[in-house]
């Protein structure tokens, strides 16, 4: 609660959240949970949610990655208050990075899906074998089913593995409601 109190003091009482997606545009069910939590919490508290691209420089990278993230955000029914890029705040981010390295708190994330694509293990990053949001959208999963799934599983700080049948059950629920 102390963190929330500090947050509200800094923001003048407004809840501000952020969704930091993968820099490669490949979103999976875990990202759907994060989208629902961050955008949903902001909405429930009359706040705002920023879409913060962590490793993308819009002047140097292909737009398809950031476009894919924005498309999935919209597909799930959300709209960012503002889209930000680290290059917008490079000097401050650099100072924080130096401090994290000094404290031995920095780490590197290895992008396994890109490795699978590069090695030919999967066709492309929206391959139906991968449980990415784009693949689920292409399979015809209703976005309401993804959002309902996220609401059901809740939020935890523990690392979890989700069984695909739990997502499929939410798809059946939605389709049963809307099918003739």
N, C-alpha and C. Protein backbone atom coordinates (compact mmCIF):
# COMPACT_ATOMS: atom_id res chain seq x y z
N UNK A 1 0.82 -1.20 0.00
CA UNK A 1 0.00 0.00 0.00
C UNK A 1 0.86 1.26 0.00
N UNK A 2 2.04 1.18 0.57
CA UNK A 2 2.93 2.33 0.60
C UNK A 2 3.33 2.74 -0.82
N UNK A 3 3.58 1.74 -1.69
CA UNK A 3 3.92 2.05 -3.08
C UNK A 3 2.78 2.77 -3.79
N UNK A 4 1.54 2.31 -3.57
CA UNK A 4 0.39 2.96 -4.19
C UNK A 4 0.26 4.39 -3.68
N UNK A 5 0.46 4.59 -2.39
CA UNK A 5 0.39 5.94 -1.83
C UNK A 5 1.44 6.84 -2.47
N UNK A 6 2.66 6.34 -2.61
CA UNK A 6 3.73 7.12 -3.25
C UNK A 6 3.38 7.42 -4.70
N UNK A 7 2.86 6.40 -5.40
CA UNK A 7 2.47 6.57 -6.81
C UNK A 7 1.44 7.70 -6.94
N UNK A 8 0.42 7.65 -6.10
CA UNK A 8 -0.65 8.65 -6.19
C UNK A 8 -0.16 10.05 -5.82
N UNK A 9 0.81 10.13 -4.93
CA UNK A 9 1.40 11.44 -4.60
C UNK A 9 2.15 12.01 -5.79
N UNK A 10 2.89 11.16 -6.49
CA UNK A 10 3.68 11.60 -7.65
C UNK A 10 2.79 11.98 -8.82
N UNK A 11 1.69 11.24 -9.01
CA UNK A 11 0.82 11.46 -10.17
C UNK A 11 -0.36 12.38 -9.89
N UNK A 12 -0.38 12.98 -8.72
CA UNK A 12 -1.49 13.88 -8.40
C UNK A 12 -2.80 13.16 -8.19
N UNK A 13 -2.73 11.92 -7.74
CA UNK A 13 -3.94 11.15 -7.44
C UNK A 13 -4.45 10.29 -8.58
N UNK A 14 -3.83 10.35 -9.73
CA UNK A 14 -4.28 9.57 -10.87
C UNK A 14 -3.49 8.26 -10.98
N UNK A 15 -4.22 7.16 -11.13
CA UNK A 15 -3.57 5.87 -11.35
C UNK A 15 -2.98 5.86 -12.75
N UNK A 16 -1.69 5.57 -12.85
CA UNK A 16 -1.01 5.46 -14.14
C UNK A 16 -0.32 4.09 -14.20
N UNK A 17 -0.66 3.31 -15.20
CA UNK A 17 -0.02 2.01 -15.38
C UNK A 17 0.66 1.98 -16.74
N UNK A 18 1.43 0.93 -16.96
CA UNK A 18 2.08 0.79 -18.26
C UNK A 18 2.11 -0.67 -18.67
N UNK A 19 2.05 -0.89 -19.97
CA UNK A 19 2.24 -2.22 -20.51
C UNK A 19 3.51 -2.20 -21.33
N UNK A 20 4.53 -2.95 -20.89
CA UNK A 20 5.78 -3.04 -21.65
C UNK A 20 5.82 -4.34 -22.46
N UNK A 21 5.48 -4.32 -23.73
CA UNK A 21 5.44 -5.55 -24.52
C UNK A 21 6.82 -6.03 -24.94
N UNK A 22 6.84 -7.22 -25.55
CA UNK A 22 8.07 -7.75 -26.12
C UNK A 22 8.51 -6.83 -27.25
N UNK A 23 9.79 -6.60 -27.38
CA UNK A 23 10.27 -5.72 -28.45
C UNK A 23 10.10 -6.32 -29.84
N UNK A 24 9.85 -7.63 -29.91
CA UNK A 24 9.73 -8.27 -31.22
C UNK A 24 8.29 -8.38 -31.69
N UNK A 25 7.34 -7.84 -30.94
CA UNK A 25 5.95 -7.86 -31.35
C UNK A 25 5.23 -9.17 -31.15
N UNK A 26 5.90 -10.16 -30.58
CA UNK A 26 5.30 -11.48 -30.38
C UNK A 26 4.64 -11.52 -29.01
N UNK A 27 3.33 -11.42 -28.97
CA UNK A 27 2.61 -11.44 -27.71
C UNK A 27 1.95 -12.79 -27.51
N UNK A 28 2.00 -13.30 -26.28
CA UNK A 28 1.39 -14.58 -25.94
C UNK A 28 0.38 -14.38 -24.82
N UNK A 29 -0.14 -15.46 -24.28
CA UNK A 29 -1.21 -15.37 -23.29
C UNK A 29 -0.76 -14.64 -22.03
N UNK A 30 0.51 -14.75 -21.68
CA UNK A 30 1.02 -14.01 -20.54
C UNK A 30 0.93 -12.51 -20.76
N UNK A 31 1.16 -12.08 -22.00
CA UNK A 31 1.01 -10.66 -22.33
C UNK A 31 -0.45 -10.24 -22.24
N UNK A 32 -1.36 -11.15 -22.63
CA UNK A 32 -2.79 -10.83 -22.52
C UNK A 32 -3.15 -10.60 -21.05
N UNK A 33 -2.59 -11.42 -20.15
CA UNK A 33 -2.81 -11.19 -18.72
C UNK A 33 -2.29 -9.82 -18.30
N UNK A 34 -1.09 -9.48 -18.75
CA UNK A 34 -0.50 -8.19 -18.40
C UNK A 34 -1.31 -7.03 -18.97
N UNK A 35 -1.78 -7.18 -20.21
CA UNK A 35 -2.62 -6.14 -20.82
C UNK A 35 -3.90 -5.96 -20.01
N UNK A 36 -4.57 -7.08 -19.70
CA UNK A 36 -5.81 -7.00 -18.93
C UNK A 36 -5.58 -6.40 -17.55
N UNK A 37 -4.51 -6.79 -16.89
CA UNK A 37 -4.23 -6.26 -15.56
C UNK A 37 -3.94 -4.77 -15.61
N UNK A 38 -2.99 -4.36 -16.46
CA UNK A 38 -2.57 -2.96 -16.50
C UNK A 38 -3.66 -2.03 -17.03
N UNK A 39 -4.26 -2.40 -18.17
CA UNK A 39 -5.31 -1.55 -18.73
C UNK A 39 -6.57 -1.62 -17.86
N UNK A 40 -6.89 -2.83 -17.38
CA UNK A 40 -8.08 -3.00 -16.55
C UNK A 40 -8.00 -2.26 -15.23
N UNK A 41 -6.84 -2.32 -14.57
CA UNK A 41 -6.66 -1.62 -13.30
C UNK A 41 -6.78 -0.10 -13.51
N UNK A 42 -6.16 0.38 -14.56
CA UNK A 42 -6.24 1.81 -14.85
C UNK A 42 -7.70 2.22 -15.11
N UNK A 43 -8.39 1.43 -15.92
CA UNK A 43 -9.78 1.75 -16.26
C UNK A 43 -10.68 1.72 -15.02
N UNK A 44 -10.49 0.71 -14.17
CA UNK A 44 -11.32 0.57 -12.97
C UNK A 44 -11.09 1.71 -11.98
N UNK A 45 -9.96 2.37 -12.09
CA UNK A 45 -9.62 3.46 -11.16
C UNK A 45 -9.57 4.82 -11.84
N UNK A 46 -10.26 4.94 -12.98
CA UNK A 46 -10.29 6.18 -13.76
C UNK A 46 -8.88 6.69 -14.05
N UNK A 47 -7.98 5.75 -14.32
CA UNK A 47 -6.60 6.11 -14.60
C UNK A 47 -6.26 5.99 -16.07
N UNK A 48 -4.98 5.96 -16.34
CA UNK A 48 -4.49 5.86 -17.71
C UNK A 48 -3.42 4.78 -17.79
N UNK A 49 -3.26 4.22 -18.99
CA UNK A 49 -2.25 3.19 -19.21
C UNK A 49 -1.41 3.57 -20.43
N UNK A 50 -0.11 3.56 -20.22
CA UNK A 50 0.85 3.85 -21.28
C UNK A 50 1.28 2.56 -21.94
N UNK A 51 1.50 2.59 -23.23
CA UNK A 51 2.13 1.48 -23.96
C UNK A 51 3.59 1.87 -24.10
N UNK A 52 4.47 1.17 -23.41
CA UNK A 52 5.89 1.52 -23.34
C UNK A 52 6.74 0.49 -24.06
N UNK A 53 7.18 0.83 -25.25
CA UNK A 53 8.04 -0.07 -26.00
C UNK A 53 9.45 0.01 -25.45
N UNK A 54 9.90 -1.07 -24.84
CA UNK A 54 11.17 -1.07 -24.15
C UNK A 54 12.40 -1.04 -25.02
N UNK A 55 12.43 -1.81 -26.08
CA UNK A 55 13.65 -1.95 -26.87
C UNK A 55 13.47 -1.54 -28.32
N UNK A 56 12.50 -0.72 -28.60
CA UNK A 56 12.22 -0.35 -29.98
C UNK A 56 12.57 1.12 -30.21
N UNK A 57 13.34 1.36 -31.25
CA UNK A 57 13.60 2.72 -31.69
C UNK A 57 12.79 2.89 -32.98
N UNK A 58 11.73 3.66 -32.96
CA UNK A 58 10.84 3.76 -34.12
C UNK A 58 11.52 4.31 -35.37
N UNK A 59 12.66 4.98 -35.20
CA UNK A 59 13.35 5.54 -36.35
C UNK A 59 14.24 4.50 -37.05
N UNK A 60 14.57 3.40 -36.35
CA UNK A 60 15.50 2.43 -36.89
C UNK A 60 14.91 1.04 -37.11
N UNK A 61 13.78 0.75 -36.53
CA UNK A 61 13.24 -0.61 -36.58
C UNK A 61 12.02 -0.68 -37.49
N UNK A 62 11.70 -1.90 -37.89
CA UNK A 62 10.54 -2.11 -38.73
C UNK A 62 9.26 -1.81 -37.94
N UNK A 63 8.35 -1.14 -38.58
CA UNK A 63 7.10 -0.77 -37.92
C UNK A 63 6.22 -1.97 -37.62
N UNK A 64 6.47 -3.10 -38.30
CA UNK A 64 5.58 -4.25 -38.13
C UNK A 64 5.56 -4.76 -36.68
N UNK A 65 6.66 -4.58 -35.94
CA UNK A 65 6.69 -5.06 -34.57
C UNK A 65 5.79 -4.22 -33.66
N UNK A 66 5.94 -2.90 -33.72
CA UNK A 66 5.10 -2.05 -32.88
C UNK A 66 3.65 -2.08 -33.36
N UNK A 67 3.45 -2.19 -34.66
CA UNK A 67 2.09 -2.29 -35.21
C UNK A 67 1.40 -3.55 -34.71
N UNK A 68 2.13 -4.66 -34.66
CA UNK A 68 1.56 -5.93 -34.18
C UNK A 68 1.11 -5.81 -32.73
N UNK A 69 1.88 -5.15 -31.90
CA UNK A 69 1.51 -4.96 -30.50
C UNK A 69 0.26 -4.09 -30.40
N UNK A 70 0.24 -2.98 -31.13
CA UNK A 70 -0.92 -2.09 -31.10
C UNK A 70 -2.17 -2.79 -31.61
N UNK A 71 -2.02 -3.62 -32.64
CA UNK A 71 -3.15 -4.37 -33.17
C UNK A 71 -3.72 -5.33 -32.13
N UNK A 72 -2.86 -6.02 -31.38
CA UNK A 72 -3.32 -6.95 -30.35
C UNK A 72 -3.97 -6.21 -29.18
N UNK A 73 -3.43 -5.06 -28.83
CA UNK A 73 -4.02 -4.23 -27.77
C UNK A 73 -5.45 -3.85 -28.18
N UNK A 74 -5.62 -3.38 -29.40
CA UNK A 74 -6.95 -2.99 -29.89
C UNK A 74 -7.87 -4.19 -29.99
N UNK A 75 -7.33 -5.33 -30.44
CA UNK A 75 -8.14 -6.54 -30.58
C UNK A 75 -8.72 -6.96 -29.22
N UNK A 76 -7.95 -6.77 -28.15
CA UNK A 76 -8.42 -7.11 -26.82
C UNK A 76 -9.33 -6.02 -26.23
N UNK A 77 -9.50 -4.92 -26.96
CA UNK A 77 -10.46 -3.90 -26.55
C UNK A 77 -9.89 -2.75 -25.74
N UNK A 78 -8.60 -2.49 -25.86
CA UNK A 78 -7.97 -1.43 -25.08
C UNK A 78 -7.31 -0.39 -25.98
N UNK A 79 -7.14 0.81 -25.43
CA UNK A 79 -6.47 1.90 -26.13
C UNK A 79 -5.50 2.57 -25.16
N UNK A 80 -4.27 2.73 -25.59
CA UNK A 80 -3.25 3.37 -24.75
C UNK A 80 -3.52 4.86 -24.62
N UNK A 81 -3.18 5.40 -23.47
CA UNK A 81 -3.22 6.84 -23.27
C UNK A 81 -2.14 7.49 -24.12
N UNK A 82 -0.95 6.86 -24.14
CA UNK A 82 0.16 7.37 -24.92
C UNK A 82 1.12 6.22 -25.19
N UNK A 83 1.77 6.24 -26.36
CA UNK A 83 2.80 5.27 -26.70
C UNK A 83 4.15 5.93 -26.48
N UNK A 84 5.03 5.25 -25.74
CA UNK A 84 6.34 5.82 -25.46
C UNK A 84 7.44 4.86 -25.90
N UNK A 85 8.59 5.42 -26.15
CA UNK A 85 9.78 4.66 -26.55
C UNK A 85 10.95 5.10 -25.67
N UNK A 86 11.86 4.18 -25.37
CA UNK A 86 12.98 4.56 -24.51
C UNK A 86 13.84 5.67 -25.10
N UNK A 87 13.91 5.77 -26.42
CA UNK A 87 14.72 6.82 -27.03
C UNK A 87 14.18 8.21 -26.66
N UNK A 88 12.89 8.27 -26.25
CA UNK A 88 12.32 9.54 -25.80
C UNK A 88 12.93 10.00 -24.48
N UNK A 89 13.45 9.05 -23.70
CA UNK A 89 13.95 9.33 -22.35
C UNK A 89 15.34 8.73 -22.15
N UNK A 90 16.14 8.73 -23.20
CA UNK A 90 17.40 8.01 -23.17
C UNK A 90 18.33 8.40 -22.03
N UNK A 91 18.51 9.69 -21.80
CA UNK A 91 19.45 10.13 -20.77
C UNK A 91 19.07 9.62 -19.38
N UNK A 92 17.79 9.72 -19.03
CA UNK A 92 17.36 9.23 -17.72
C UNK A 92 17.47 7.72 -17.64
N UNK A 93 17.08 7.02 -18.70
CA UNK A 93 17.16 5.55 -18.72
C UNK A 93 18.61 5.08 -18.62
N UNK A 94 19.49 5.79 -19.29
CA UNK A 94 20.90 5.42 -19.23
C UNK A 94 21.43 5.55 -17.80
N UNK A 95 21.06 6.62 -17.13
CA UNK A 95 21.50 6.81 -15.74
C UNK A 95 20.96 5.70 -14.84
N UNK A 96 19.71 5.32 -15.03
CA UNK A 96 19.14 4.23 -14.23
C UNK A 96 19.84 2.91 -14.54
N UNK A 97 20.13 2.66 -15.82
CA UNK A 97 20.82 1.42 -16.21
C UNK A 97 22.19 1.33 -15.56
N UNK A 98 22.90 2.41 -15.55
CA UNK A 98 24.22 2.43 -14.91
C UNK A 98 24.07 2.10 -13.43
N UNK A 99 23.05 2.66 -12.79
CA UNK A 99 22.83 2.39 -11.37
C UNK A 99 22.46 0.92 -11.14
N UNK A 100 21.61 0.35 -11.98
CA UNK A 100 21.25 -1.07 -11.85
C UNK A 100 22.47 -1.97 -12.04
N UNK A 101 23.29 -1.64 -13.00
CA UNK A 101 24.51 -2.43 -13.23
C UNK A 101 25.44 -2.31 -12.02
N UNK A 102 25.55 -1.11 -11.49
CA UNK A 102 26.39 -0.89 -10.31
C UNK A 102 25.91 -1.75 -9.13
N UNK A 103 24.59 -1.89 -9.00
CA UNK A 103 24.02 -2.68 -7.91
C UNK A 103 23.91 -4.17 -8.26
N UNK A 104 24.35 -4.55 -9.45
CA UNK A 104 24.28 -5.93 -9.95
C UNK A 104 22.82 -6.41 -9.98
N UNK A 105 21.94 -5.55 -10.49
CA UNK A 105 20.52 -5.87 -10.60
C UNK A 105 20.04 -5.94 -12.05
N UNK A 106 20.91 -5.75 -13.02
CA UNK A 106 20.53 -5.78 -14.43
C UNK A 106 20.59 -7.21 -14.95
N UNK A 107 19.77 -7.52 -15.95
CA UNK A 107 19.78 -8.84 -16.57
C UNK A 107 19.43 -8.72 -18.04
N UNK A 108 19.62 -9.82 -18.77
CA UNK A 108 19.33 -9.85 -20.20
C UNK A 108 18.26 -10.90 -20.44
N UNK A 109 17.25 -10.57 -21.26
CA UNK A 109 16.19 -11.52 -21.62
C UNK A 109 16.54 -12.15 -22.95
N UNK A 110 16.54 -13.51 -23.03
CA UNK A 110 16.81 -14.23 -24.29
C UNK A 110 15.50 -14.54 -24.99
N UNK A 111 15.37 -14.16 -26.25
CA UNK A 111 14.12 -14.26 -27.00
C UNK A 111 14.03 -15.61 -27.69
N UNK A 112 13.38 -16.57 -27.00
CA UNK A 112 13.34 -17.95 -27.49
C UNK A 112 12.51 -18.10 -28.75
N UNK A 113 11.41 -17.35 -28.86
CA UNK A 113 10.57 -17.50 -30.05
C UNK A 113 11.33 -17.06 -31.30
N UNK A 114 12.08 -15.98 -31.21
CA UNK A 114 12.88 -15.55 -32.36
C UNK A 114 13.90 -16.61 -32.73
N UNK A 115 14.46 -17.29 -31.74
CA UNK A 115 15.42 -18.36 -32.01
C UNK A 115 14.74 -19.51 -32.73
N UNK A 116 13.50 -19.84 -32.34
CA UNK A 116 12.76 -20.91 -33.01
C UNK A 116 12.50 -20.57 -34.47
N UNK A 117 12.15 -19.31 -34.71
CA UNK A 117 11.92 -18.87 -36.09
C UNK A 117 13.23 -18.90 -36.88
N UNK A 118 14.30 -18.40 -36.28
CA UNK A 118 15.60 -18.33 -36.97
C UNK A 118 16.13 -19.72 -37.33
N UNK A 119 15.88 -20.69 -36.46
CA UNK A 119 16.38 -22.04 -36.72
C UNK A 119 15.44 -22.86 -37.60
N UNK A 120 14.26 -22.32 -37.90
CA UNK A 120 13.32 -23.04 -38.76
C UNK A 120 12.43 -24.00 -38.00
N UNK A 121 12.48 -23.99 -36.68
CA UNK A 121 11.65 -24.89 -35.89
C UNK A 121 10.17 -24.56 -36.06
N UNK A 122 9.86 -23.28 -36.27
CA UNK A 122 8.51 -22.85 -36.61
C UNK A 122 8.61 -21.98 -37.86
N UNK A 123 7.51 -21.91 -38.59
CA UNK A 123 7.50 -21.22 -39.87
C UNK A 123 7.73 -19.72 -39.72
N UNK A 124 6.90 -19.06 -38.97
CA UNK A 124 6.99 -17.63 -38.72
C UNK A 124 6.50 -17.38 -37.30
N UNK A 125 6.64 -16.13 -36.81
CA UNK A 125 6.27 -15.89 -35.42
C UNK A 125 4.77 -15.96 -35.15
N UNK A 126 3.94 -16.03 -36.18
CA UNK A 126 2.51 -16.24 -35.96
C UNK A 126 2.11 -17.68 -36.29
N UNK A 127 3.09 -18.59 -36.28
CA UNK A 127 2.86 -20.01 -36.55
C UNK A 127 1.81 -20.54 -35.57
N UNK A 128 0.82 -21.30 -36.07
CA UNK A 128 -0.22 -21.85 -35.19
C UNK A 128 0.32 -22.77 -34.10
N UNK A 129 1.54 -23.27 -34.25
CA UNK A 129 2.13 -24.11 -33.21
C UNK A 129 2.49 -23.30 -31.97
N UNK A 130 2.65 -21.99 -32.13
CA UNK A 130 2.98 -21.12 -31.01
C UNK A 130 1.69 -20.56 -30.42
N UNK A 131 1.66 -20.43 -29.12
CA UNK A 131 0.47 -19.88 -28.49
C UNK A 131 0.62 -18.36 -28.35
N UNK A 132 0.75 -17.69 -29.53
CA UNK A 132 0.85 -16.23 -29.53
C UNK A 132 -0.54 -15.65 -29.73
N UNK A 133 -0.71 -14.39 -29.36
CA UNK A 133 -2.01 -13.76 -29.53
C UNK A 133 -2.40 -13.66 -31.00
N UNK A 134 -1.43 -13.38 -31.87
CA UNK A 134 -1.74 -13.30 -33.28
C UNK A 134 -2.22 -14.65 -33.82
N UNK A 135 -1.57 -15.73 -33.40
CA UNK A 135 -2.01 -17.07 -33.82
C UNK A 135 -3.42 -17.35 -33.32
N UNK A 136 -3.71 -16.99 -32.06
CA UNK A 136 -5.06 -17.22 -31.52
C UNK A 136 -6.09 -16.37 -32.26
N UNK A 137 -5.71 -15.15 -32.62
CA UNK A 137 -6.62 -14.31 -33.39
C UNK A 137 -6.90 -14.96 -34.75
N UNK A 138 -5.87 -15.48 -35.38
CA UNK A 138 -6.04 -16.12 -36.68
C UNK A 138 -6.84 -17.42 -36.58
N UNK A 139 -6.76 -18.11 -35.45
CA UNK A 139 -7.57 -19.32 -35.24
C UNK A 139 -9.04 -18.98 -35.03
N UNK A 140 -9.33 -17.69 -34.76
CA UNK A 140 -10.71 -17.27 -34.53
C UNK A 140 -11.09 -17.20 -33.06
N UNK A 141 -10.11 -17.20 -32.16
CA UNK A 141 -10.42 -17.04 -30.74
C UNK A 141 -11.06 -15.66 -30.55
N UNK A 142 -12.21 -15.57 -29.90
CA UNK A 142 -12.79 -14.25 -29.62
C UNK A 142 -11.95 -13.53 -28.57
N UNK A 143 -11.72 -12.23 -28.74
CA UNK A 143 -10.93 -11.51 -27.73
C UNK A 143 -11.58 -11.57 -26.35
N UNK A 144 -12.91 -11.65 -26.29
CA UNK A 144 -13.59 -11.76 -25.00
C UNK A 144 -13.14 -13.01 -24.24
N UNK A 145 -12.86 -14.08 -24.98
CA UNK A 145 -12.42 -15.32 -24.35
C UNK A 145 -11.05 -15.14 -23.70
N UNK A 146 -10.16 -14.43 -24.38
CA UNK A 146 -8.83 -14.16 -23.83
C UNK A 146 -8.97 -13.29 -22.59
N UNK A 147 -9.78 -12.25 -22.67
CA UNK A 147 -9.99 -11.36 -21.53
C UNK A 147 -10.63 -12.11 -20.35
N UNK A 148 -11.61 -12.98 -20.63
CA UNK A 148 -12.25 -13.77 -19.57
C UNK A 148 -11.25 -14.72 -18.92
N UNK A 149 -10.42 -15.33 -19.73
CA UNK A 149 -9.38 -16.21 -19.20
C UNK A 149 -8.48 -15.45 -18.24
N UNK A 150 -8.04 -14.27 -18.65
CA UNK A 150 -7.16 -13.46 -17.81
C UNK A 150 -7.83 -13.09 -16.50
N UNK A 151 -9.11 -12.77 -16.56
CA UNK A 151 -9.85 -12.42 -15.34
C UNK A 151 -9.96 -13.64 -14.42
N UNK A 152 -10.14 -14.82 -14.98
CA UNK A 152 -10.27 -16.04 -14.18
C UNK A 152 -8.99 -16.46 -13.49
N UNK A 153 -7.86 -16.37 -14.19
CA UNK A 153 -6.61 -16.85 -13.60
C UNK A 153 -6.02 -15.86 -12.62
N UNK A 154 -6.41 -14.60 -12.71
CA UNK A 154 -5.95 -13.62 -11.75
C UNK A 154 -4.50 -13.24 -11.93
N UNK A 155 -3.95 -12.64 -10.89
CA UNK A 155 -2.59 -12.11 -10.92
C UNK A 155 -1.77 -12.80 -9.84
N UNK A 156 -0.56 -13.17 -10.20
CA UNK A 156 0.36 -13.76 -9.25
C UNK A 156 1.77 -13.31 -9.58
N UNK A 157 2.62 -13.27 -8.58
CA UNK A 157 4.02 -12.95 -8.84
C UNK A 157 4.83 -14.22 -9.07
N UNK A 158 4.20 -15.37 -8.84
CA UNK A 158 4.89 -16.64 -9.07
C UNK A 158 4.88 -16.96 -10.56
N UNK A 159 5.93 -17.62 -11.02
CA UNK A 159 5.97 -18.05 -12.42
C UNK A 159 5.01 -19.22 -12.57
N UNK A 160 4.14 -19.14 -13.56
CA UNK A 160 3.13 -20.18 -13.74
C UNK A 160 3.14 -20.67 -15.17
N UNK A 161 2.62 -21.88 -15.35
CA UNK A 161 2.41 -22.45 -16.68
C UNK A 161 0.91 -22.63 -16.86
N UNK A 162 0.40 -22.22 -18.00
CA UNK A 162 -1.03 -22.32 -18.26
C UNK A 162 -1.30 -23.47 -19.22
N UNK A 163 -2.28 -24.25 -18.89
CA UNK A 163 -2.69 -25.34 -19.76
C UNK A 163 -3.58 -24.78 -20.87
N UNK A 164 -3.32 -25.16 -22.11
CA UNK A 164 -4.13 -24.62 -23.22
C UNK A 164 -5.62 -24.88 -23.07
N UNK A 165 -6.00 -26.00 -22.43
CA UNK A 165 -7.43 -26.29 -22.30
C UNK A 165 -8.16 -25.26 -21.45
N UNK A 166 -7.45 -24.54 -20.57
CA UNK A 166 -8.09 -23.49 -19.78
C UNK A 166 -8.50 -22.32 -20.67
N UNK A 167 -7.67 -21.99 -21.64
CA UNK A 167 -8.01 -20.93 -22.60
C UNK A 167 -9.15 -21.43 -23.50
N UNK A 168 -9.03 -22.66 -23.97
CA UNK A 168 -10.05 -23.22 -24.85
C UNK A 168 -11.42 -23.27 -24.18
N UNK A 169 -11.45 -23.52 -22.88
CA UNK A 169 -12.72 -23.54 -22.15
C UNK A 169 -13.39 -22.17 -22.17
N UNK A 170 -12.60 -21.11 -22.07
CA UNK A 170 -13.17 -19.76 -22.12
C UNK A 170 -13.68 -19.47 -23.53
N UNK A 171 -12.99 -19.99 -24.55
CA UNK A 171 -13.46 -19.83 -25.94
C UNK A 171 -14.83 -20.49 -26.07
N UNK A 172 -14.95 -21.72 -25.55
CA UNK A 172 -16.24 -22.42 -25.61
C UNK A 172 -17.34 -21.64 -24.90
N UNK A 173 -17.01 -21.05 -23.73
CA UNK A 173 -18.00 -20.26 -23.01
C UNK A 173 -18.53 -19.11 -23.88
N UNK A 174 -17.61 -18.38 -24.50
CA UNK A 174 -18.01 -17.23 -25.32
C UNK A 174 -18.80 -17.70 -26.54
N UNK A 175 -18.28 -18.72 -27.22
CA UNK A 175 -18.97 -19.20 -28.42
C UNK A 175 -20.34 -19.79 -28.09
N UNK A 176 -20.48 -20.44 -26.96
CA UNK A 176 -21.79 -20.98 -26.55
C UNK A 176 -22.80 -19.85 -26.33
N UNK A 177 -22.32 -18.71 -25.86
CA UNK A 177 -23.21 -17.56 -25.65
C UNK A 177 -23.65 -16.88 -26.94
N UNK A 178 -22.77 -16.89 -27.96
CA UNK A 178 -23.08 -16.13 -29.17
C UNK A 178 -23.51 -16.97 -30.37
N UNK A 179 -23.29 -18.30 -30.27
CA UNK A 179 -23.66 -19.17 -31.40
C UNK A 179 -25.17 -19.30 -31.49
N UNK A 180 -25.69 -19.38 -32.71
CA UNK A 180 -27.15 -19.52 -32.87
C UNK A 180 -27.64 -20.88 -32.41
